[in-house]
PDB file of N, CA and C in Angstrom:
ATOM      1  N   UNK A   1      88.035 100.443 123.916  1.00  0.00           N
ATOM      2  CA  UNK A   1      88.559 100.178 122.588  1.00  0.00           C
ATOM      3  C   UNK A   1      89.645  99.091 122.599  1.00  0.00           C
ATOM      4  N   UNK A   2      90.409  99.038 123.682  1.00  0.00           N
ATOM      5  CA  UNK A   2      91.450  98.015 123.778  1.00  0.00           C
ATOM      6  C   UNK A   2      90.824  96.628 123.691  1.00  0.00           C
ATOM      7  N   UNK A   3      89.750  96.421 124.455  1.00  0.00           N
ATOM      8  CA  UNK A   3      89.088  95.098 124.444  1.00  0.00           C
ATOM      9  C   UNK A   3      88.564  94.790 123.044  1.00  0.00           C
ATOM     10  N   UNK A   4      87.945  95.771 122.395  1.00  0.00           N
ATOM     11  CA  UNK A   4      87.430  95.559 121.037  1.00  0.00           C
ATOM     12  C   UNK A   4      88.562  95.188 120.090  1.00  0.00           C
ATOM     13  N   UNK A   5      89.688  95.874 120.195  1.00  0.00           N
ATOM     14  CA  UNK A   5      90.831  95.570 119.339  1.00  0.00           C
ATOM     15  C   UNK A   5      91.369  94.174 119.564  1.00  0.00           C
ATOM     16  N   UNK A   6      91.445  93.780 120.833  1.00  0.00           N
ATOM     17  CA  UNK A   6      91.943  92.436 121.146  1.00  0.00           C
ATOM     18  C   UNK A   6      90.972  91.356 120.684  1.00  0.00           C
ATOM     19  N   UNK A   7      89.686  91.604 120.850  1.00  0.00           N
ATOM     20  CA  UNK A   7      88.678  90.629 120.394  1.00  0.00           C
ATOM     21  C   UNK A   7      88.738  90.488 118.870  1.00  0.00           C
ATOM     22  N   UNK A   8      88.799  91.616 118.167  1.00  0.00           N
ATOM     23  CA  UNK A   8      88.875  91.558 116.704  1.00  0.00           C
ATOM     24  C   UNK A   8      90.152  90.850 116.245  1.00  0.00           C
ATOM     25  N   UNK A   9      91.259  91.131 116.902  1.00  0.00           N
ATOM     26  CA  UNK A   9      92.511  90.457 116.553  1.00  0.00           C
ATOM     27  C   UNK A   9      92.406  88.952 116.816  1.00  0.00           C
ATOM     28  N   UNK A  10      91.732  88.581 117.916  1.00  0.00           N
ATOM     29  CA  UNK A  10      91.526  87.161 118.213  1.00  0.00           C
ATOM     30  C   UNK A  10      90.679  86.472 117.161  1.00  0.00           C
ATOM     31  N   UNK A  11      89.634  87.162 116.714  1.00  0.00           N
ATOM     32  CA  UNK A  11      88.789  86.610 115.641  1.00  0.00           C
ATOM     33  C   UNK A  11      89.614  86.456 114.363  1.00  0.00           C
ATOM     34  N   UNK A  12      90.422  87.452 114.059  1.00  0.00           N
ATOM     35  CA  UNK A  12      91.285  87.370 112.872  1.00  0.00           C
ATOM     36  C   UNK A  12      92.231  86.180 112.968  1.00  0.00           C
ATOM     37  N   UNK A  13      92.761  85.936 114.168  1.00  0.00           N
ATOM     38  CA  UNK A  13      93.648  84.779 114.359  1.00  0.00           C
ATOM     39  C   UNK A  13      92.900  83.482 114.068  1.00  0.00           C
ATOM     40  N   UNK A  14      91.672  83.371 114.561  1.00  0.00           N
ATOM     41  CA  UNK A  14      90.880  82.161 114.300  1.00  0.00           C
ATOM     42  C   UNK A  14      90.605  81.987 112.812  1.00  0.00           C
ATOM     43  N   UNK A  15      90.303  83.080 112.121  1.00  0.00           N
ATOM     44  CA  UNK A  15      90.087  83.019 110.670  1.00  0.00           C
ATOM     45  C   UNK A  15      91.350  82.509 109.984  1.00  0.00           C
ATOM     46  N   UNK A  16      92.503  82.982 110.429  1.00  0.00           N
ATOM     47  CA  UNK A  16      93.747  82.560 109.795  1.00  0.00           C
ATOM     48  C   UNK A  16      94.138  81.128 110.140  1.00  0.00           C
ATOM     49  N   UNK A  17      93.723  80.640 111.289  1.00  0.00           N
ATOM     50  CA  UNK A  17      93.912  79.217 111.584  1.00  0.00           C
ATOM     51  C   UNK A  17      93.057  78.387 110.615  1.00  0.00           C
ATOM     52  N   UNK A  18      91.837  78.849 110.352  1.00  0.00           N
ATOM     53  CA  UNK A  18      90.967  78.150 109.394  1.00  0.00           C
ATOM     54  C   UNK A  18      91.579  78.182 107.990  1.00  0.00           C
ATOM     55  N   UNK A  19      92.121  79.338 107.607  1.00  0.00           N
ATOM     56  CA  UNK A  19      92.776  79.428 106.296  1.00  0.00           C
ATOM     57  C   UNK A  19      93.958  78.454 106.242  1.00  0.00           C
ATOM     58  N   UNK A  20      94.739  78.388 107.328  1.00  0.00           N
ATOM     59  CA  UNK A  20      95.821  77.399 107.407  1.00  0.00           C
ATOM     60  C   UNK A  20      95.278  75.989 107.151  1.00  0.00           C
ATOM     61  N   UNK A  21      94.188  75.656 107.820  1.00  0.00           N
ATOM     62  CA  UNK A  21      93.604  74.326 107.682  1.00  0.00           C
ATOM     63  C   UNK A  21      93.259  74.033 106.221  1.00  0.00           C
ATOM     64  N   UNK A  22      92.624  74.993 105.566  1.00  0.00           N
ATOM     65  CA  UNK A  22      92.238  74.773 104.167  1.00  0.00           C
ATOM     66  C   UNK A  22      93.465  74.664 103.266  1.00  0.00           C
ATOM     67  N   UNK A  23      94.449  75.549 103.460  1.00  0.00           N
ATOM     68  CA  UNK A  23      95.596  75.567 102.555  1.00  0.00           C
ATOM     69  C   UNK A  23      96.571  74.418 102.805  1.00  0.00           C
ATOM     70  N   UNK A  24      96.773  74.060 104.052  1.00  0.00           N
ATOM     71  CA  UNK A  24      97.801  73.066 104.367  1.00  0.00           C
ATOM     72  C   UNK A  24      97.283  71.656 104.590  1.00  0.00           C
ATOM     73  N   UNK A  25      95.998  71.515 104.893  1.00  0.00           N
ATOM     74  CA  UNK A  25      95.460  70.188 105.215  1.00  0.00           C
ATOM     75  C   UNK A  25      94.447  69.709 104.175  1.00  0.00           C
ATOM     76  N   UNK A  26      93.524  70.558 103.772  1.00  0.00           N
ATOM     77  CA  UNK A  26      92.432  70.111 102.899  1.00  0.00           C
ATOM     78  C   UNK A  26      92.483  70.744 101.506  1.00  0.00           C
ATOM     79  N   UNK A  27      93.638  71.224 101.076  1.00  0.00           N
ATOM     80  CA  UNK A  27      93.769  71.983  99.836  1.00  0.00           C
ATOM     81  C   UNK A  27      93.152  71.291  98.621  1.00  0.00           C
ATOM     82  N   UNK A  28      93.278  69.989  98.515  1.00  0.00           N
ATOM     83  CA  UNK A  28      92.785  69.300  97.315  1.00  0.00           C
ATOM     84  C   UNK A  28      91.353  68.770  97.471  1.00  0.00           C
ATOM     85  N   UNK A  29      90.739  69.008  98.618  1.00  0.00           N
ATOM     86  CA  UNK A  29      89.365  68.533  98.798  1.00  0.00           C
ATOM     87  C   UNK A  29      88.395  69.354  97.941  1.00  0.00           C
ATOM     88  N   UNK A  30      87.269  68.759  97.630  1.00  0.00           N
ATOM     89  CA  UNK A  30      86.272  69.425  96.796  1.00  0.00           C
ATOM     90  C   UNK A  30      85.812  70.747  97.416  1.00  0.00           C
ATOM     91  N   UNK A  31      85.548  70.726  98.716  1.00  0.00           N
ATOM     92  CA  UNK A  31      85.036  71.932  99.394  1.00  0.00           C
ATOM     93  C   UNK A  31      86.054  73.074  99.351  1.00  0.00           C
ATOM     94  N   UNK A  32      87.309  72.764  99.645  1.00  0.00           N
ATOM     95  CA  UNK A  32      88.341  73.801  99.626  1.00  0.00           C
ATOM     96  C   UNK A  32      88.600  74.288  98.210  1.00  0.00           C
ATOM     97  N   UNK A  33      88.615  73.374  97.247  1.00  0.00           N
ATOM     98  CA  UNK A  33      88.788  73.797  95.846  1.00  0.00           C
ATOM     99  C   UNK A  33      87.665  74.725  95.435  1.00  0.00           C
ATOM    100  N   UNK A  34      86.457  74.440  95.870  1.00  0.00           N
ATOM    101  CA  UNK A  34      85.310  75.310  95.560  1.00  0.00           C
ATOM    102  C   UNK A  34      85.504  76.681  96.211  1.00  0.00           C
ATOM    103  N   UNK A  35      85.944  76.683  97.456  1.00  0.00           N
ATOM    104  CA  UNK A  35      86.156  77.945  98.175  1.00  0.00           C
ATOM    105  C   UNK A  35      87.176  78.822  97.458  1.00  0.00           C
ATOM    106  N   UNK A  36      88.261  78.226  96.985  1.00  0.00           N
ATOM    107  CA  UNK A  36      89.320  78.982  96.327  1.00  0.00           C
ATOM    108  C   UNK A  36      89.141  79.054  94.807  1.00  0.00           C
ATOM    109  N   UNK A  37      88.134  78.382  94.276  1.00  0.00           N
ATOM    110  CA  UNK A  37      87.870  78.443  92.843  1.00  0.00           C
ATOM    111  C   UNK A  37      88.931  77.769  91.997  1.00  0.00           C
ATOM    112  N   UNK A  38      89.462  76.645  92.490  1.00  0.00           N
ATOM    113  CA  UNK A  38      90.490  75.932  91.739  1.00  0.00           C
ATOM    114  C   UNK A  38      89.972  74.577  91.280  1.00  0.00           C
ATOM    115  N   UNK A  39      90.509  74.146  90.167  1.00  0.00           N
ATOM    116  CA  UNK A  39      90.170  72.816  89.662  1.00  0.00           C
ATOM    117  C   UNK A  39      91.007  71.781  90.399  1.00  0.00           C
ATOM    118  N   UNK A  40      90.667  70.532  90.194  1.00  0.00           N
ATOM    119  CA  UNK A  40      91.442  69.454  90.807  1.00  0.00           C
ATOM    120  C   UNK A  40      92.894  69.499  90.336  1.00  0.00           C
ATOM    121  N   UNK A  41      93.088  69.738  89.041  1.00  0.00           N
ATOM    122  CA  UNK A  41      94.448  69.799  88.490  1.00  0.00           C
ATOM    123  C   UNK A  41      95.217  70.998  89.054  1.00  0.00           C
ATOM    124  N   UNK A  42      94.559  72.145  89.167  1.00  0.00           N
ATOM    125  CA  UNK A  42      95.216  73.327  89.739  1.00  0.00           C
ATOM    126  C   UNK A  42      95.597  73.096  91.200  1.00  0.00           C
ATOM    127  N   UNK A  43      94.698  72.468  91.941  1.00  0.00           N
ATOM    128  CA  UNK A  43      94.980  72.195  93.355  1.00  0.00           C
ATOM    129  C   UNK A  43      96.174  71.260  93.494  1.00  0.00           C
ATOM    130  N   UNK A  44      96.247  70.241  92.685  1.00  0.00           N
ATOM    131  CA  UNK A  44      97.384  69.324  92.741  1.00  0.00           C
ATOM    132  C   UNK A  44      98.677  70.035  92.358  1.00  0.00           C
ATOM    133  N   UNK A  45      98.599  70.896  91.339  1.00  0.00           N
ATOM    134  CA  UNK A  45      99.797  71.601  90.875  1.00  0.00           C
ATOM    135  C   UNK A  45     100.312  72.618  91.890  1.00  0.00           C
ATOM    136  N   UNK A  46      99.414  73.143  92.714  1.00  0.00           N
ATOM    137  CA  UNK A  46      99.803  74.195  93.670  1.00  0.00           C
ATOM    138  C   UNK A  46      99.819  73.705  95.116  1.00  0.00           C
ATOM    139  N   UNK A  47      99.743  72.398  95.291  1.00  0.00           N
ATOM    140  CA  UNK A  47      99.640  71.825  96.638  1.00  0.00           C
ATOM    141  C   UNK A  47     100.814  72.227  97.541  1.00  0.00           C
ATOM    142  N   UNK A  48     102.034  72.145  97.051  1.00  0.00           N
ATOM    143  CA  UNK A  48     103.198  72.488  97.876  1.00  0.00           C
ATOM    144  C   UNK A  48     103.202  73.969  98.226  1.00  0.00           C
ATOM    145  N   UNK A  49     102.862  74.816  97.272  1.00  0.00           N
ATOM    146  CA  UNK A  49     102.811  76.248  97.529  1.00  0.00           C
ATOM    147  C   UNK A  49     101.732  76.581  98.564  1.00  0.00           C
ATOM    148  N   UNK A  50     100.565  75.969  98.420  1.00  0.00           N
ATOM    149  CA  UNK A  50      99.471  76.212  99.366  1.00  0.00           C
ATOM    150  C   UNK A  50      99.837  75.716 100.760  1.00  0.00           C
ATOM    151  N   UNK A  51     100.510  74.586 100.833  1.00  0.00           N
ATOM    152  CA  UNK A  51     100.954  74.049 102.123  1.00  0.00           C
ATOM    153  C   UNK A  51     101.831  75.074 102.841  1.00  0.00           C
ATOM    154  N   UNK A  52     102.795  75.624 102.120  1.00  0.00           N
ATOM    155  CA  UNK A  52     103.689  76.638 102.670  1.00  0.00           C
ATOM    156  C   UNK A  52     102.910  77.901 103.056  1.00  0.00           C
ATOM    157  N   UNK A  53     102.044  78.360 102.196  1.00  0.00           N
ATOM    158  CA  UNK A  53     101.249  79.565 102.452  1.00  0.00           C
ATOM    159  C   UNK A  53     100.361  79.380 103.689  1.00  0.00           C
ATOM    160  N   UNK A  54      99.830  78.204 103.856  1.00  0.00           N
ATOM    161  CA  UNK A  54      99.008  77.922 105.026  1.00  0.00           C
ATOM    162  C   UNK A  54      99.777  78.113 106.318  1.00  0.00           C
ATOM    163  N   UNK A  55     101.036  77.708 106.317  1.00  0.00           N
ATOM    164  CA  UNK A  55     101.845  77.888 107.526  1.00  0.00           C
ATOM    165  C   UNK A  55     102.150  79.353 107.787  1.00  0.00           C
ATOM    166  N   UNK A  56     102.286  80.155 106.760  1.00  0.00           N
ATOM    167  CA  UNK A  56     102.426  81.598 106.973  1.00  0.00           C
ATOM    168  C   UNK A  56     101.205  82.111 107.740  1.00  0.00           C
ATOM    169  N   UNK A  57     100.032  81.698 107.318  1.00  0.00           N
ATOM    170  CA  UNK A  57      98.803  82.122 107.993  1.00  0.00           C
ATOM    171  C   UNK A  57      98.764  81.626 109.440  1.00  0.00           C
ATOM    172  N   UNK A  58      99.184  80.409 109.667  1.00  0.00           N
ATOM    173  CA  UNK A  58      99.209  79.865 111.022  1.00  0.00           C
ATOM    174  C   UNK A  58     100.174  80.654 111.911  1.00  0.00           C
ATOM    175  N   UNK A  59     101.353  80.969 111.384  1.00  0.00           N
ATOM    176  CA  UNK A  59     102.336  81.689 112.192  1.00  0.00           C
ATOM    177  C   UNK A  59     101.850  83.092 112.549  1.00  0.00           C
ATOM    178  N   UNK A  60     101.131  83.745 111.636  1.00  0.00           N
ATOM    179  CA  UNK A  60     100.550  85.057 111.963  1.00  0.00           C
ATOM    180  C   UNK A  60      99.510  84.906 113.072  1.00  0.00           C
ATOM    181  N   UNK A  61      98.706  83.864 112.980  1.00  0.00           N
ATOM    182  CA  UNK A  61      97.698  83.616 114.011  1.00  0.00           C
ATOM    183  C   UNK A  61      98.363  83.352 115.356  1.00  0.00           C
ATOM    184  N   UNK A  62      99.439  82.583 115.361  1.00  0.00           N
ATOM    185  CA  UNK A  62     100.151  82.280 116.601  1.00  0.00           C
ATOM    186  C   UNK A  62     100.712  83.562 117.214  1.00  0.00           C
ATOM    187  N   UNK A  63     101.249  84.452 116.391  1.00  0.00           N
ATOM    188  CA  UNK A  63     101.773  85.723 116.912  1.00  0.00           C
ATOM    189  C   UNK A  63     100.662  86.503 117.612  1.00  0.00           C
ATOM    190  N   UNK A  64      99.492  86.564 116.999  1.00  0.00           N
ATOM    191  CA  UNK A  64      98.365  87.288 117.606  1.00  0.00           C
ATOM    192  C   UNK A  64      97.928  86.600 118.902  1.00  0.00           C
ATOM    193  N   UNK A  65      97.807  85.299 118.876  1.00  0.00           N
ATOM    194  CA  UNK A  65      97.370  84.565 120.073  1.00  0.00           C
ATOM    195  C   UNK A  65      98.367  84.759 121.218  1.00  0.00           C
ATOM    196  N   UNK A  66      99.650  84.671 120.921  1.00  0.00           N
ATOM    197  CA  UNK A  66     100.656  84.934 121.959  1.00  0.00           C
ATOM    198  C   UNK A  66     100.545  86.372 122.468  1.00  0.00           C
ATOM    199  N   UNK A  67     100.302  87.301 121.554  1.00  0.00           N
ATOM    200  CA  UNK A  67     100.108  88.690 121.953  1.00  0.00           C
ATOM    201  C   UNK A  67      98.943  88.849 122.902  1.00  0.00           C
ATOM    202  N   UNK A  68      97.847  88.164 122.627  1.00  0.00           N
ATOM    203  CA  UNK A  68      96.678  88.219 123.510  1.00  0.00           C
ATOM    204  C   UNK A  68      97.028  87.671 124.889  1.00  0.00           C
ATOM    205  N   UNK A  69      97.755  86.568 124.917  1.00  0.00           N
ATOM    206  CA  UNK A  69      98.151  85.964 126.200  1.00  0.00           C
ATOM    207  C   UNK A  69      99.032  86.925 126.988  1.00  0.00           C
ATOM    208  N   UNK A  70     100.050  87.483 126.352  1.00  0.00           N
ATOM    209  CA  UNK A  70     100.926  88.429 127.043  1.00  0.00           C
ATOM    210  C   UNK A  70     100.149  89.641 127.544  1.00  0.00           C
ATOM    211  N   UNK A  71      99.223  90.120 126.724  1.00  0.00           N
ATOM    212  CA  UNK A  71      98.423  91.280 127.125  1.00  0.00           C
ATOM    213  C   UNK A  71      97.602  90.959 128.367  1.00  0.00           C
ATOM    214  N   UNK A  72      96.972  89.799 128.361  1.00  0.00           N
ATOM    215  CA  UNK A  72      96.110  89.401 129.483  1.00  0.00           C
ATOM    216  C   UNK A  72      96.904  89.228 130.774  1.00  0.00           C
ATOM    217  N   UNK A  73      98.127  88.732 130.697  1.00  0.00           N
ATOM    218  CA  UNK A  73      98.910  88.521 131.917  1.00  0.00           C
ATOM    219  C   UNK A  73      99.642  89.786 132.374  1.00  0.00           C
ATOM    220  N   UNK A  74      99.370  90.898 131.704  1.00  0.00           N
ATOM    221  CA  UNK A  74      99.912  92.174 132.148  1.00  0.00           C
ATOM    222  C   UNK A  74     101.154  92.662 131.446  1.00  0.00           C
ATOM    223  N   UNK A  75     101.636  91.893 130.488  1.00  0.00           N
ATOM    224  CA  UNK A  75     102.805  92.324 129.708  1.00  0.00           C
ATOM    225  C   UNK A  75     102.298  93.058 128.465  1.00  0.00           C
ATOM    226  N   UNK A  76     101.740  94.250 128.726  1.00  0.00           N
ATOM    227  CA  UNK A  76     101.006  95.006 127.717  1.00  0.00           C
ATOM    228  C   UNK A  76     101.853  95.360 126.499  1.00  0.00           C
ATOM    229  N   UNK A  77     103.068  95.820 126.718  1.00  0.00           N
ATOM    230  CA  UNK A  77     103.912  96.231 125.591  1.00  0.00           C
ATOM    231  C   UNK A  77     104.251  95.049 124.679  1.00  0.00           C
ATOM    232  N   UNK A  78     104.636  93.938 125.278  1.00  0.00           N
ATOM    233  CA  UNK A  78     104.955  92.744 124.492  1.00  0.00           C
ATOM    234  C   UNK A  78     103.700  92.255 123.762  1.00  0.00           C
ATOM    235  N   UNK A  79     102.592  92.190 124.486  1.00  0.00           N
ATOM    236  CA  UNK A  79     101.348  91.721 123.887  1.00  0.00           C
ATOM    237  C   UNK A  79     100.899  92.594 122.737  1.00  0.00           C
ATOM    238  N   UNK A  80     100.896  93.909 122.958  1.00  0.00           N
ATOM    239  CA  UNK A  80     100.468  94.827 121.894  1.00  0.00           C
ATOM    240  C   UNK A  80     101.387  94.723 120.686  1.00  0.00           C
ATOM    241  N   UNK A  81     102.689  94.594 120.925  1.00  0.00           N
ATOM    242  CA  UNK A  81     103.636  94.474 119.819  1.00  0.00           C
ATOM    243  C   UNK A  81     103.338  93.239 118.975  1.00  0.00           C
ATOM    244  N   UNK A  82     103.096  92.112 119.627  1.00  0.00           N
ATOM    245  CA  UNK A  82     102.790  90.880 118.889  1.00  0.00           C
ATOM    246  C   UNK A  82     101.461  90.988 118.148  1.00  0.00           C
ATOM    247  N   UNK A  83     100.456  91.577 118.777  1.00  0.00           N
ATOM    248  CA  UNK A  83      99.160  91.746 118.112  1.00  0.00           C
ATOM    249  C   UNK A  83      99.310  92.672 116.913  1.00  0.00           C
ATOM    250  N   UNK A  84     100.008  93.804 117.092  1.00  0.00           N
ATOM    251  CA  UNK A  84     100.213  94.724 115.970  1.00  0.00           C
ATOM    252  C   UNK A  84     100.983  94.052 114.834  1.00  0.00           C
ATOM    253  N   UNK A  85     102.027  93.293 115.163  1.00  0.00           N
ATOM    254  CA  UNK A  85     102.817  92.630 114.122  1.00  0.00           C
ATOM    255  C   UNK A  85     102.005  91.561 113.395  1.00  0.00           C
ATOM    256  N   UNK A  86     101.320  90.709 114.156  1.00  0.00           N
ATOM    257  CA  UNK A  86     100.556  89.630 113.531  1.00  0.00           C
ATOM    258  C   UNK A  86      99.350  90.136 112.757  1.00  0.00           C
ATOM    259  N   UNK A  87      98.499  90.912 113.419  1.00  0.00           N
ATOM    260  CA  UNK A  87      97.280  91.403 112.755  1.00  0.00           C
ATOM    261  C   UNK A  87      97.621  92.425 111.674  1.00  0.00           C
ATOM    262  N   UNK A  88      98.649  93.236 111.917  1.00  0.00           N
ATOM    263  CA  UNK A  88      99.068  94.190 110.889  1.00  0.00           C
ATOM    264  C   UNK A  88      99.567  93.487 109.637  1.00  0.00           C
ATOM    265  N   UNK A  89     100.289  92.394 109.822  1.00  0.00           N
ATOM    266  CA  UNK A  89     100.752  91.607 108.667  1.00  0.00           C
ATOM    267  C   UNK A  89      99.585  90.961 107.924  1.00  0.00           C
ATOM    268  N   UNK A  90      98.580  90.523 108.669  1.00  0.00           N
ATOM    269  CA  UNK A  90      97.379  89.970 108.033  1.00  0.00           C
ATOM    270  C   UNK A  90      96.715  91.018 107.143  1.00  0.00           C
ATOM    271  N   UNK A  91      96.558  92.227 107.683  1.00  0.00           N
ATOM    272  CA  UNK A  91      95.926  93.310 106.921  1.00  0.00           C
ATOM    273  C   UNK A  91      96.781  93.696 105.714  1.00  0.00           C
ATOM    274  N   UNK A  92      98.093  93.766 105.912  1.00  0.00           N
ATOM    275  CA  UNK A  92      98.986  94.112 104.805  1.00  0.00           C
ATOM    276  C   UNK A  92      98.957  93.052 103.708  1.00  0.00           C
ATOM    277  N   UNK A  93      98.904  91.779 104.105  1.00  0.00           N
ATOM    278  CA  UNK A  93      98.832  90.701 103.113  1.00  0.00           C
ATOM    279  C   UNK A  93      97.551  90.802 102.290  1.00  0.00           C
ATOM    280  N   UNK A  94      96.466  91.229 102.929  1.00  0.00           N
ATOM    281  CA  UNK A  94      95.211  91.406 102.205  1.00  0.00           C
ATOM    282  C   UNK A  94      95.343  92.521 101.170  1.00  0.00           C
ATOM    283  N   UNK A  95      96.054  93.591 101.520  1.00  0.00           N
ATOM    284  CA  UNK A  95      96.288  94.670 100.553  1.00  0.00           C
ATOM    285  C   UNK A  95      97.125  94.181  99.376  1.00  0.00           C
ATOM    286  N   UNK A  96      98.139  93.370  99.660  1.00  0.00           N
ATOM    287  CA  UNK A  96      98.959  92.808  98.588  1.00  0.00           C
ATOM    288  C   UNK A  96      98.106  91.908  97.691  1.00  0.00           C
ATOM    289  N   UNK A  97      97.225  91.128  98.293  1.00  0.00           N
ATOM    290  CA  UNK A  97      96.362  90.233  97.516  1.00  0.00           C
ATOM    291  C   UNK A  97      95.491  91.017  96.539  1.00  0.00           C
ATOM    292  N   UNK A  98      94.825  92.055  97.022  1.00  0.00           N
ATOM    293  CA  UNK A  98      93.938  92.825  96.136  1.00  0.00           C
ATOM    294  C   UNK A  98      94.750  93.646  95.130  1.00  0.00           C
ATOM    295  N   UNK A  99      95.937  94.080  95.509  1.00  0.00           N
ATOM    296  CA  UNK A  99      96.784  94.826  94.574  1.00  0.00           C
ATOM    297  C   UNK A  99      97.284  93.925  93.448  1.00  0.00           C
ATOM    298  N   UNK A 100      97.438  92.626  93.733  1.00  0.00           N
ATOM    299  CA  UNK A 100      97.925  91.697  92.717  1.00  0.00           C
ATOM    300  C   UNK A 100      96.888  91.440  91.641  1.00  0.00           C
ATOM    301  N   UNK A 101      95.627  91.454  92.018  1.00  0.00           N
ATOM    302  CA  UNK A 101      94.548  91.239  91.051  1.00  0.00           C
ATOM    303  C   UNK A 101      93.221  91.606  91.711  1.00  0.00           C
ATOM    304  N   UNK A 102      92.497  92.516  91.114  1.00  0.00           N
ATOM    305  CA  UNK A 102      91.228  92.987  91.682  1.00  0.00           C
ATOM    306  C   UNK A 102      90.196  91.873  91.847  1.00  0.00           C
ATOM    307  N   UNK A 103      90.358  90.770  91.132  1.00  0.00           N
ATOM    308  CA  UNK A 103      89.396  89.674  91.275  1.00  0.00           C
ATOM    309  C   UNK A 103      89.448  89.056  92.671  1.00  0.00           C
ATOM    310  N   UNK A 104      90.526  89.357  93.417  1.00  0.00           N
ATOM    311  CA  UNK A 104      90.666  88.833  94.777  1.00  0.00           C
ATOM    312  C   UNK A 104      90.154  89.804  95.836  1.00  0.00           C
ATOM    313  N   UNK A 105      89.420  90.834  95.421  1.00  0.00           N
ATOM    314  CA  UNK A 105      88.947  91.850  96.370  1.00  0.00           C
ATOM    315  C   UNK A 105      88.088  91.241  97.474  1.00  0.00           C
ATOM    316  N   UNK A 106      87.220  90.329  97.136  1.00  0.00           N
ATOM    317  CA  UNK A 106      86.350  89.701  98.138  1.00  0.00           C
ATOM    318  C   UNK A 106      87.172  88.898  99.145  1.00  0.00           C
ATOM    319  N   UNK A 107      88.104  88.115  98.654  1.00  0.00           N
ATOM    320  CA  UNK A 107      88.967  87.322  99.551  1.00  0.00           C
ATOM    321  C   UNK A 107      89.818  88.241 100.420  1.00  0.00           C
ATOM    322  N   UNK A 108      90.339  89.302  99.831  1.00  0.00           N
ATOM    323  CA  UNK A 108      91.167  90.245 100.593  1.00  0.00           C
ATOM    324  C   UNK A 108      90.349  90.914 101.690  1.00  0.00           C
ATOM    325  N   UNK A 109      89.118  91.259 101.383  1.00  0.00           N
ATOM    326  CA  UNK A 109      88.250  91.867 102.390  1.00  0.00           C
ATOM    327  C   UNK A 109      87.977  90.890 103.528  1.00  0.00           C
ATOM    328  N   UNK A 110      87.726  89.625 103.187  1.00  0.00           N
ATOM    329  CA  UNK A 110      87.465  88.609 104.213  1.00  0.00           C
ATOM    330  C   UNK A 110      88.677  88.375 105.116  1.00  0.00           C
ATOM    331  N   UNK A 111      89.868  88.379 104.545  1.00  0.00           N
ATOM    332  CA  UNK A 111      91.049  88.076 105.348  1.00  0.00           C
ATOM    333  C   UNK A 111      91.658  89.318 105.977  1.00  0.00           C
ATOM    334  N   UNK A 112      91.338  90.503 105.485  1.00  0.00           N
ATOM    335  CA  UNK A 112      92.015  91.694 105.955  1.00  0.00           C
ATOM    336  C   UNK A 112      91.219  92.690 106.771  1.00  0.00           C
ATOM    337  N   UNK A 113      89.901  92.689 106.647  1.00  0.00           N
ATOM    338  CA  UNK A 113      89.102  93.715 107.331  1.00  0.00           C
ATOM    339  C   UNK A 113      89.140  93.559 108.853  1.00  0.00           C
ATOM    340  N   UNK A 114      88.951  92.356 109.336  1.00  0.00           N
ATOM    341  CA  UNK A 114      88.896  92.146 110.790  1.00  0.00           C
ATOM    342  C   UNK A 114      90.237  92.475 111.455  1.00  0.00           C
ATOM    343  N   UNK A 115      91.372  91.991 110.923  1.00  0.00           N
ATOM    344  CA  UNK A 115      92.630  92.375 111.569  1.00  0.00           C
ATOM    345  C   UNK A 115      92.910  93.879 111.469  1.00  0.00           C
ATOM    346  N   UNK A 116      92.548  94.496 110.360  1.00  0.00           N
ATOM    347  CA  UNK A 116      92.755  95.942 110.226  1.00  0.00           C
ATOM    348  C   UNK A 116      91.942  96.702 111.274  1.00  0.00           C
ATOM    349  N   UNK A 117      90.686  96.311 111.436  1.00  0.00           N
ATOM    350  CA  UNK A 117      89.853  96.955 112.456  1.00  0.00           C
ATOM    351  C   UNK A 117      90.406  96.697 113.858  1.00  0.00           C
ATOM    352  N   UNK A 118      90.937  95.510 114.080  1.00  0.00           N
ATOM    353  CA  UNK A 118      91.548  95.198 115.367  1.00  0.00           C
ATOM    354  C   UNK A 118      92.749  96.077 115.660  1.00  0.00           C
ATOM    355  N   UNK A 119      93.607  96.260 114.660  1.00  0.00           N
ATOM    356  CA  UNK A 119      94.785  97.112 114.829  1.00  0.00           C
ATOM    357  C   UNK A 119      94.357  98.554 115.117  1.00  0.00           C
ATOM    358  N   UNK A 120      93.392  99.035 114.361  1.00  0.00           N
ATOM    359  CA  UNK A 120      92.918 100.424 114.551  1.00  0.00           C
ATOM    360  C   UNK A 120      92.315 100.596 115.943  1.00  0.00           C
ATOM    361  N   UNK A 121      91.440  99.681 116.338  1.00  0.00           N
ATOM    362  CA  UNK A 121      90.796  99.784 117.654  1.00  0.00           C
ATOM    363  C   UNK A 121      91.820  99.696 118.781  1.00  0.00           C
ATOM    364  N   UNK A 122      92.763  98.785 118.657  1.00  0.00           N
ATOM    365  CA  UNK A 122      93.789  98.640 119.697  1.00  0.00           C
ATOM    366  C   UNK A 122      94.653  99.895 119.779  1.00  0.00           C
ATOM    367  N   UNK A 123      95.032 100.435 118.638  1.00  0.00           N
ATOM    368  CA  UNK A 123      95.855 101.644 118.628  1.00  0.00           C
ATOM    369  C   UNK A 123      95.111 102.809 119.291  1.00  0.00           C
ATOM    370  N   UNK A 124      93.851 102.987 118.920  1.00  0.00           N
ATOM    371  CA  UNK A 124      93.059 104.066 119.524  1.00  0.00           C
ATOM    372  C   UNK A 124      92.929 103.835 121.021  1.00  0.00           C
ATOM    373  N   UNK A 125      92.626 102.609 121.410  1.00  0.00           N
ATOM    374  CA  UNK A 125      92.467 102.291 122.825  1.00  0.00           C
ATOM    375  C   UNK A 125      93.720 102.542 123.632  1.00  0.00           C
ATOM    376  N   UNK A 126      94.867 102.250 123.068  1.00  0.00           N
ATOM    377  CA  UNK A 126      96.131 102.463 123.785  1.00  0.00           C
ATOM    378  C   UNK A 126      96.509 103.932 123.838  1.00  0.00           C
ATOM    379  N   UNK A 127      96.052 104.706 122.856  1.00  0.00           N
ATOM    380  CA  UNK A 127      96.374 106.130 122.823  1.00  0.00           C
ATOM    381  C   UNK A 127      95.469 106.972 123.714  1.00  0.00           C
ATOM    382  N   UNK A 128      94.296 106.451 124.003  1.00  0.00           N
ATOM    383  CA  UNK A 128      93.330 107.222 124.823  1.00  0.00           C
ATOM    384  C   UNK A 128      93.676 107.137 126.287  1.00  0.00           C
TER     385      UNK A 128
END
């Protein structure tokens, strides 16, 4: 279960790096606007906010990636703590997203299910 949790957390980190890319680098592009359902005017108006939000996603991904590295080199407590903090925050942010408006349920599921499963699997694996 530990390996499954770490793999899921790693996948979640990669997803959040991609979200960073869309929010901070390609926010006003046609493809990203289509993905987020925003018009050109909305994307321009929210560009600074999206840029900042993208870095939040990147920093969560970095925490998970560092956690994976520490775990692999044998610093299990440090690694698990970073994975739990990063992936747990990803899952919590998804809950906040869907709580803010049910229309974001699909996006929340995409960004939150994998890290939540990773946290659960890692916790079970460490407890067994």
